[in-house]
Amino acid sequence: PARDLNSREAALLASILPNPRRRSAARP
């Protein structure tokens, strides 16, 4: 869940926001 995200995971999600269809936080 979103409540358990750590700082690295949050940063990976922020990094894919411009194009989440082509970027992946799970497999960056």
PDB file of all heavy atoms in Angstrom:
ATOM      1  N   PRO A   1       0.828  -1.216   0.000  1.00  0.00           N
ATOM      2  CA  PRO A   1       0.000   0.000   0.000  1.00  0.00           C
ATOM      3  C   PRO A   1       0.856   1.259   0.000  1.00  0.00           C
ATOM      4  O   PRO A   1       2.031   1.244   0.398  1.00  0.00           O
ATOM      5  CB  PRO A   1      -0.809  -0.123   1.288  1.00  0.00           C
ATOM      6  CG  PRO A   1       0.010  -1.001   2.169  1.00  0.00           C
ATOM      7  CD  PRO A   1       0.716  -1.955   1.272  1.00  0.00           C
ATOM      8  N   ALA A   2       0.259   2.355  -0.419  1.00  0.00           N
ATOM      9  CA  ALA A   2       0.983   3.626  -0.505  1.00  0.00           C
ATOM     10  C   ALA A   2       1.484   4.089   0.852  1.00  0.00           C
ATOM     11  O   ALA A   2       2.470   4.821   0.927  1.00  0.00           O
ATOM     12  CB  ALA A   2       0.088   4.693  -1.140  1.00  0.00           C
ATOM     13  N   ARG A   3       0.823   3.687   1.931  1.00  0.00           N
ATOM     14  CA  ARG A   3       1.255   4.136   3.261  1.00  0.00           C
ATOM     15  C   ARG A   3       2.597   3.541   3.659  1.00  0.00           C
ATOM     16  O   ARG A   3       3.277   4.054   4.557  1.00  0.00           O
ATOM     17  CB  ARG A   3       0.193   3.774   4.313  1.00  0.00           C
ATOM     18  CG  ARG A   3       0.034   2.293   4.554  1.00  0.00           C
ATOM     19  CD  ARG A   3      -0.886   1.994   5.731  1.00  0.00           C
ATOM     20  NE  ARG A   3      -1.038   0.561   5.942  1.00  0.00           N
ATOM     21  CZ  ARG A   3      -1.983  -0.187   5.383  1.00  0.00           C
ATOM     22  NH1 ARG A   3      -2.867   0.379   4.586  1.00  0.00           N
ATOM     23  NH2 ARG A   3      -2.049  -1.477   5.599  1.00  0.00           N
ATOM     24  N   ASP A   4       3.021   2.439   2.990  1.00  0.00           N
ATOM     25  CA  ASP A   4       4.249   1.751   3.382  1.00  0.00           C
ATOM     26  C   ASP A   4       5.432   2.053   2.457  1.00  0.00           C
ATOM     27  O   ASP A   4       6.489   1.434   2.594  1.00  0.00           O
ATOM     28  CB  ASP A   4       4.019   0.231   3.394  1.00  0.00           C
ATOM     29  CG  ASP A   4       3.059  -0.190   4.494  1.00  0.00           C
ATOM     30  OD1 ASP A   4       2.921   0.559   5.481  1.00  0.00           O
ATOM     31  OD2 ASP A   4       2.438  -1.259   4.358  1.00  0.00           O
ATOM     32  N   LEU A   5       5.284   3.005   1.547  1.00  0.00           N
ATOM     33  CA  LEU A   5       6.376   3.311   0.626  1.00  0.00           C
ATOM     34  C   LEU A   5       7.549   3.951   1.361  1.00  0.00           C
ATOM     35  O   LEU A   5       7.369   4.839   2.188  1.00  0.00           O
ATOM     36  CB  LEU A   5       5.889   4.271  -0.462  1.00  0.00           C
ATOM     37  CG  LEU A   5       4.880   3.718  -1.476  1.00  0.00           C
ATOM     38  CD1 LEU A   5       4.321   4.850  -2.315  1.00  0.00           C
ATOM     39  CD2 LEU A   5       5.517   2.646  -2.355  1.00  0.00           C
ATOM     40  N   ASN A   6       8.747   3.506   1.031  1.00  0.00           N
ATOM     41  CA  ASN A   6       9.929   4.161   1.590  1.00  0.00           C
ATOM     42  C   ASN A   6      10.411   5.240   0.628  1.00  0.00           C
ATOM     43  O   ASN A   6       9.843   5.443  -0.455  1.00  0.00           O
ATOM     44  CB  ASN A   6      11.027   3.139   1.893  1.00  0.00           C
ATOM     45  CG  ASN A   6      11.489   2.371   0.654  1.00  0.00           C
ATOM     46  OD1 ASN A   6      11.601   2.935  -0.433  1.00  0.00           O
ATOM     47  ND2 ASN A   6      11.755   1.072   0.829  1.00  0.00           N
ATOM     48  N   SER A   7      11.484   5.919   0.995  1.00  0.00           N
ATOM     49  CA  SER A   7      11.922   7.066   0.204  1.00  0.00           C
ATOM     50  C   SER A   7      12.400   6.658  -1.189  1.00  0.00           C
ATOM     51  O   SER A   7      12.184   7.384  -2.168  1.00  0.00           O
ATOM     52  CB  SER A   7      13.027   7.820   0.946  1.00  0.00           C
ATOM     53  OG  SER A   7      14.154   6.990   1.155  1.00  0.00           O
ATOM     54  N   ARG A   8      13.060   5.519  -1.306  1.00  0.00           N
ATOM     55  CA  ARG A   8      13.533   5.073  -2.625  1.00  0.00           C
ATOM     56  C   ARG A   8      12.366   4.708  -3.532  1.00  0.00           C
ATOM     57  O   ARG A   8      12.349   5.060  -4.718  1.00  0.00           O
ATOM     58  CB  ARG A   8      14.470   3.876  -2.465  1.00  0.00           C
ATOM     59  CG  ARG A   8      15.065   3.371  -3.782  1.00  0.00           C
ATOM     60  CD  ARG A   8      15.899   4.443  -4.458  1.00  0.00           C
ATOM     61  NE  ARG A   8      16.503   3.969  -5.701  1.00  0.00           N
ATOM     62  CZ  ARG A   8      17.241   4.727  -6.494  1.00  0.00           C
ATOM     63  NH1 ARG A   8      17.462   5.996  -6.189  1.00  0.00           N
ATOM     64  NH2 ARG A   8      17.757   4.243  -7.613  1.00  0.00           N
ATOM     65  N   GLU A   9      11.405   3.984  -2.994  1.00  0.00           N
ATOM     66  CA  GLU A   9      10.231   3.611  -3.789  1.00  0.00           C
ATOM     67  C   GLU A   9       9.435   4.846  -4.210  1.00  0.00           C
ATOM     68  O   GLU A   9       8.959   4.933  -5.350  1.00  0.00           O
ATOM     69  CB  GLU A   9       9.356   2.640  -2.987  1.00  0.00           C
ATOM     70  CG  GLU A   9      10.014   1.286  -2.768  1.00  0.00           C
ATOM     71  CD  GLU A   9       9.378   0.492  -1.645  1.00  0.00           C
ATOM     72  OE1 GLU A   9       8.635   1.087  -0.823  1.00  0.00           O
ATOM     73  OE2 GLU A   9       9.644  -0.722  -1.564  1.00  0.00           O
ATOM     74  N   ALA A  10       9.301   5.798  -3.308  1.00  0.00           N
ATOM     75  CA  ALA A  10       8.605   7.044  -3.641  1.00  0.00           C
ATOM     76  C   ALA A  10       9.332   7.770  -4.765  1.00  0.00           C
ATOM     77  O   ALA A  10       8.702   8.314  -5.687  1.00  0.00           O
ATOM     78  CB  ALA A  10       8.507   7.937  -2.406  1.00  0.00           C
ATOM     79  N   ALA A  11      10.667   7.788  -4.710  1.00  0.00           N
ATOM     80  CA  ALA A  11      11.439   8.468  -5.749  1.00  0.00           C
ATOM     81  C   ALA A  11      11.295   7.763  -7.091  1.00  0.00           C
ATOM     82  O   ALA A  11      11.232   8.413  -8.142  1.00  0.00           O
ATOM     83  CB  ALA A  11      12.906   8.533  -5.329  1.00  0.00           C
ATOM     84  N   LEU A  12      11.233   6.448  -7.088  1.00  0.00           N
ATOM     85  CA  LEU A  12      11.032   5.708  -8.344  1.00  0.00           C
ATOM     86  C   LEU A  12       9.667   6.028  -8.942  1.00  0.00           C
ATOM     87  O   LEU A  12       9.540   6.220 -10.160  1.00  0.00           O
ATOM     88  CB  LEU A  12      11.179   4.208  -8.100  1.00  0.00           C
ATOM     89  CG  LEU A  12      12.604   3.710  -7.863  1.00  0.00           C
ATOM     90  CD1 LEU A  12      12.599   2.282  -7.333  1.00  0.00           C
ATOM     91  CD2 LEU A  12      13.428   3.790  -9.147  1.00  0.00           C
ATOM     92  N   LEU A  13       8.641   6.113  -8.099  1.00  0.00           N
ATOM     93  CA  LEU A  13       7.305   6.459  -8.604  1.00  0.00           C
ATOM     94  C   LEU A  13       7.275   7.887  -9.129  1.00  0.00           C
ATOM     95  O   LEU A  13       6.650   8.162 -10.159  1.00  0.00           O
ATOM     96  CB  LEU A  13       6.261   6.266  -7.502  1.00  0.00           C
ATOM     97  CG  LEU A  13       5.928   4.816  -7.143  1.00  0.00           C
ATOM     98  CD1 LEU A  13       4.912   4.767  -5.995  1.00  0.00           C
ATOM     99  CD2 LEU A  13       5.384   4.055  -8.350  1.00  0.00           C
ATOM    100  N   ALA A  14       7.925   8.800  -8.451  1.00  0.00           N
ATOM    101  CA  ALA A  14       7.976  10.177  -8.935  1.00  0.00           C
ATOM    102  C   ALA A  14       8.700  10.261 -10.274  1.00  0.00           C
ATOM    103  O   ALA A  14       8.358  11.096 -11.124  1.00  0.00           O
ATOM    104  CB  ALA A  14       8.674  11.065  -7.906  1.00  0.00           C
ATOM    105  N   SER A  15       9.662   9.384 -10.498  1.00  0.00           N
ATOM    106  CA  SER A  15      10.462   9.422 -11.723  1.00  0.00           C
ATOM    107  C   SER A  15       9.688   8.973 -12.953  1.00  0.00           C
ATOM    108  O   SER A  15      10.052   9.333 -14.074  1.00  0.00           O
ATOM    109  CB  SER A  15      11.703   8.540 -11.565  1.00  0.00           C
ATOM    110  OG  SER A  15      12.502   8.980 -10.496  1.00  0.00           O
ATOM    111  N   ILE A  16       8.643   8.171 -12.765  1.00  0.00           N
ATOM    112  CA  ILE A  16       7.914   7.674 -13.930  1.00  0.00           C
ATOM    113  C   ILE A  16       6.681   8.508 -14.246  1.00  0.00           C
ATOM    114  O   ILE A  16       6.016   8.278 -15.267  1.00  0.00           O
ATOM    115  CB  ILE A  16       7.503   6.187 -13.755  1.00  0.00           C
ATOM    116  CG1 ILE A  16       6.431   6.027 -12.678  1.00  0.00           C
ATOM    117  CG2 ILE A  16       8.726   5.324 -13.450  1.00  0.00           C
ATOM    118  CD1 ILE A  16       5.776   4.660 -12.679  1.00  0.00           C
ATOM    119  N   LEU A  17       6.358   9.506 -13.409  1.00  0.00           N
ATOM    120  CA  LEU A  17       5.140  10.291 -13.613  1.00  0.00           C
ATOM    121  C   LEU A  17       5.017  10.911 -15.009  1.00  0.00           C
ATOM    122  O   LEU A  17       3.916  10.907 -15.570  1.00  0.00           O
ATOM    123  CB  LEU A  17       5.038  11.390 -12.549  1.00  0.00           C
ATOM    124  CG  LEU A  17       4.207  11.066 -11.318  1.00  0.00           C
ATOM    125  CD1 LEU A  17       4.244  12.223 -10.334  1.00  0.00           C
ATOM    126  CD2 LEU A  17       2.767  10.745 -11.693  1.00  0.00           C
ATOM    127  N   PRO A  18       6.075  11.430 -15.608  1.00  0.00           N
ATOM    128  CA  PRO A  18       5.871  12.038 -16.929  1.00  0.00           C
ATOM    129  C   PRO A  18       5.418  11.054 -18.000  1.00  0.00           C
ATOM    130  O   PRO A  18       4.745  11.434 -18.946  1.00  0.00           O
ATOM    131  CB  PRO A  18       7.258  12.606 -17.264  1.00  0.00           C
ATOM    132  CG  PRO A  18       7.936  12.760 -15.950  1.00  0.00           C
ATOM    133  CD  PRO A  18       7.424  11.638 -15.109  1.00  0.00           C
ATOM    134  N   ASN A  19       5.777   9.782 -17.858  1.00  0.00           N
ATOM    135  CA  ASN A  19       5.430   8.806 -18.890  1.00  0.00           C
ATOM    136  C   ASN A  19       5.328   7.403 -18.299  1.00  0.00           C
ATOM    137  O   ASN A  19       6.182   6.547 -18.546  1.00  0.00           O
ATOM    138  CB  ASN A  19       6.471   8.825 -20.017  1.00  0.00           C
ATOM    139  CG  ASN A  19       5.952   8.158 -21.280  1.00  0.00           C
ATOM    140  OD1 ASN A  19       4.988   7.406 -21.245  1.00  0.00           O
ATOM    141  ND2 ASN A  19       6.603   8.431 -22.394  1.00  0.00           N
ATOM    142  N   PRO A  20       4.279   7.129 -17.516  1.00  0.00           N
ATOM    143  CA  PRO A  20       4.187   5.835 -16.833  1.00  0.00           C
ATOM    144  C   PRO A  20       3.886   4.669 -17.761  1.00  0.00           C
ATOM    145  O   PRO A  20       3.944   3.513 -17.339  1.00  0.00           O
ATOM    146  CB  PRO A  20       3.043   6.063 -15.839  1.00  0.00           C
ATOM    147  CG  PRO A  20       2.198   7.121 -16.478  1.00  0.00           C
ATOM    148  CD  PRO A  20       3.166   8.020 -17.182  1.00  0.00           C
ATOM    149  N   ARG A  21       3.536   4.959 -19.020  1.00  0.00           N
ATOM    150  CA  ARG A  21       3.283   3.854 -19.951  1.00  0.00           C
ATOM    151  C   ARG A  21       4.575   3.290 -20.530  1.00  0.00           C
ATOM    152  O   ARG A  21       4.610   2.158 -21.004  1.00  0.00           O
ATOM    153  CB  ARG A  21       2.369   4.316 -21.088  1.00  0.00           C
ATOM    154  CG  ARG A  21       1.007   4.789 -20.600  1.00  0.00           C
ATOM    155  CD  ARG A  21       0.069   5.077 -21.744  1.00  0.00           C
ATOM    156  NE  ARG A  21      -1.145   5.737 -21.266  1.00  0.00           N
ATOM    157  CZ  ARG A  21      -2.225   5.945 -22.014  1.00  0.00           C
ATOM    158  NH1 ARG A  21      -2.227   5.551 -23.276  1.00  0.00           N
ATOM    159  NH2 ARG A  21      -3.280   6.565 -21.510  1.00  0.00           N
ATOM    160  N   ARG A  22       5.633   4.093 -20.483  1.00  0.00           N
ATOM    161  CA  ARG A  22       6.905   3.635 -21.046  1.00  0.00           C
ATOM    162  C   ARG A  22       7.984   3.457 -19.981  1.00  0.00           C
ATOM    163  O   ARG A  22       8.990   2.808 -20.225  1.00  0.00           O
ATOM    164  CB  ARG A  22       7.402   4.632 -22.099  1.00  0.00           C
ATOM    165  CG  ARG A  22       6.453   4.784 -23.270  1.00  0.00           C
ATOM    166  CD  ARG A  22       7.040   5.621 -24.375  1.00  0.00           C
ATOM    167  NE  ARG A  22       8.217   4.987 -24.958  1.00  0.00           N
ATOM    168  CZ  ARG A  22       8.910   5.508 -25.962  1.00  0.00           C
ATOM    169  NH1 ARG A  22       8.566   6.685 -26.475  1.00  0.00           N
ATOM    170  NH2 ARG A  22       9.969   4.878 -26.448  1.00  0.00           N
ATOM    171  N   ARG A  23       7.788   4.043 -18.809  1.00  0.00           N
ATOM    172  CA  ARG A  23       8.747   3.895 -17.720  1.00  0.00           C
ATOM    173  C   ARG A  23       8.162   2.978 -16.659  1.00  0.00           C
ATOM    174  O   ARG A  23       6.945   2.924 -16.481  1.00  0.00           O
ATOM    175  CB  ARG A  23       9.079   5.246 -17.096  1.00  0.00           C
ATOM    176  CG  ARG A  23       9.716   6.237 -18.050  1.00  0.00           C
ATOM    177  CD  ARG A  23       9.969   7.553 -17.342  1.00  0.00           C
ATOM    178  NE  ARG A  23      10.523   8.572 -18.231  1.00  0.00           N
ATOM    179  CZ  ARG A  23      10.825   9.800 -17.850  1.00  0.00           C
ATOM    180  NH1 ARG A  23      10.640  10.159 -16.586  1.00  0.00           N
ATOM    181  NH2 ARG A  23      11.316  10.670 -18.714  1.00  0.00           N
ATOM    182  N   SER A  24       9.023   2.303 -15.937  1.00  0.00           N
ATOM    183  CA  SER A  24       8.577   1.358 -14.910  1.00  0.00           C
ATOM    184  C   SER A  24       9.315   1.605 -13.602  1.00  0.00           C
ATOM    185  O   SER A  24      10.550   1.711 -13.585  1.00  0.00           O
ATOM    186  CB  SER A  24       8.822  -0.083 -15.368  1.00  0.00           C
ATOM    187  OG  SER A  24       8.567  -0.997 -14.322  1.00  0.00           O
ATOM    188  N   ALA A  25       8.550   1.696 -12.515  1.00  0.00           N
ATOM    189  CA  ALA A  25       9.166   1.787 -11.191  1.00  0.00           C
ATOM    190  C   ALA A  25       9.545   0.411 -10.671  1.00  0.00           C
ATOM    191  O   ALA A  25      10.487   0.276  -9.888  1.00  0.00           O
ATOM    192  CB  ALA A  25       8.197   2.460 -10.220  1.00  0.00           C
ATOM    193  N   ALA A  26       8.825  -0.615 -11.107  1.00  0.00           N
ATOM    194  CA  ALA A  26       9.135  -1.974 -10.665  1.00  0.00           C
ATOM    195  C   ALA A  26      10.403  -2.494 -11.323  1.00  0.00           C
ATOM    196  O   ALA A  26      11.195  -3.217 -10.700  1.00  0.00           O
ATOM    197  CB  ALA A  26       7.962  -2.906 -10.985  1.00  0.00           C
ATOM    198  N   ARG A  27      10.608  -2.139 -12.600  1.00  0.00           N
ATOM    199  CA  ARG A  27      11.794  -2.558 -13.339  1.00  0.00           C
ATOM    200  C   ARG A  27      12.448  -1.312 -13.949  1.00  0.00           C
ATOM    201  O   ARG A  27      12.415  -1.113 -15.174  1.00  0.00           O
ATOM    202  CB  ARG A  27      11.421  -3.571 -14.421  1.00  0.00           C
ATOM    203  CG  ARG A  27      10.875  -4.877 -13.864  1.00  0.00           C
ATOM    204  CD  ARG A  27      10.393  -5.807 -14.957  1.00  0.00           C
ATOM    205  NE  ARG A  27       9.255  -5.215 -15.659  1.00  0.00           N
ATOM    206  CZ  ARG A  27       8.007  -5.242 -15.203  1.00  0.00           C
ATOM    207  NH1 ARG A  27       7.736  -5.826 -14.059  1.00  0.00           N
ATOM    208  NH2 ARG A  27       7.035  -4.697 -15.907  1.00  0.00           N
ATOM    209  N   PRO A  28      13.031  -0.481 -13.119  1.00  0.00           N
ATOM    210  CA  PRO A  28      13.555   0.806 -13.615  1.00  0.00           C
ATOM    211  C   PRO A  28      14.800   0.636 -14.467  1.00  0.00           C
ATOM    212  O   PRO A  28      15.696  -0.141 -14.140  1.00  0.00           O
ATOM    213  CB  PRO A  28      13.865   1.569 -12.323  1.00  0.00           C
ATOM    214  CG  PRO A  28      14.138   0.511 -11.314  1.00  0.00           C
ATOM    215  CD  PRO A  28      13.235  -0.630 -11.665  1.00  0.00           C
TER     216      PRO A  28
END
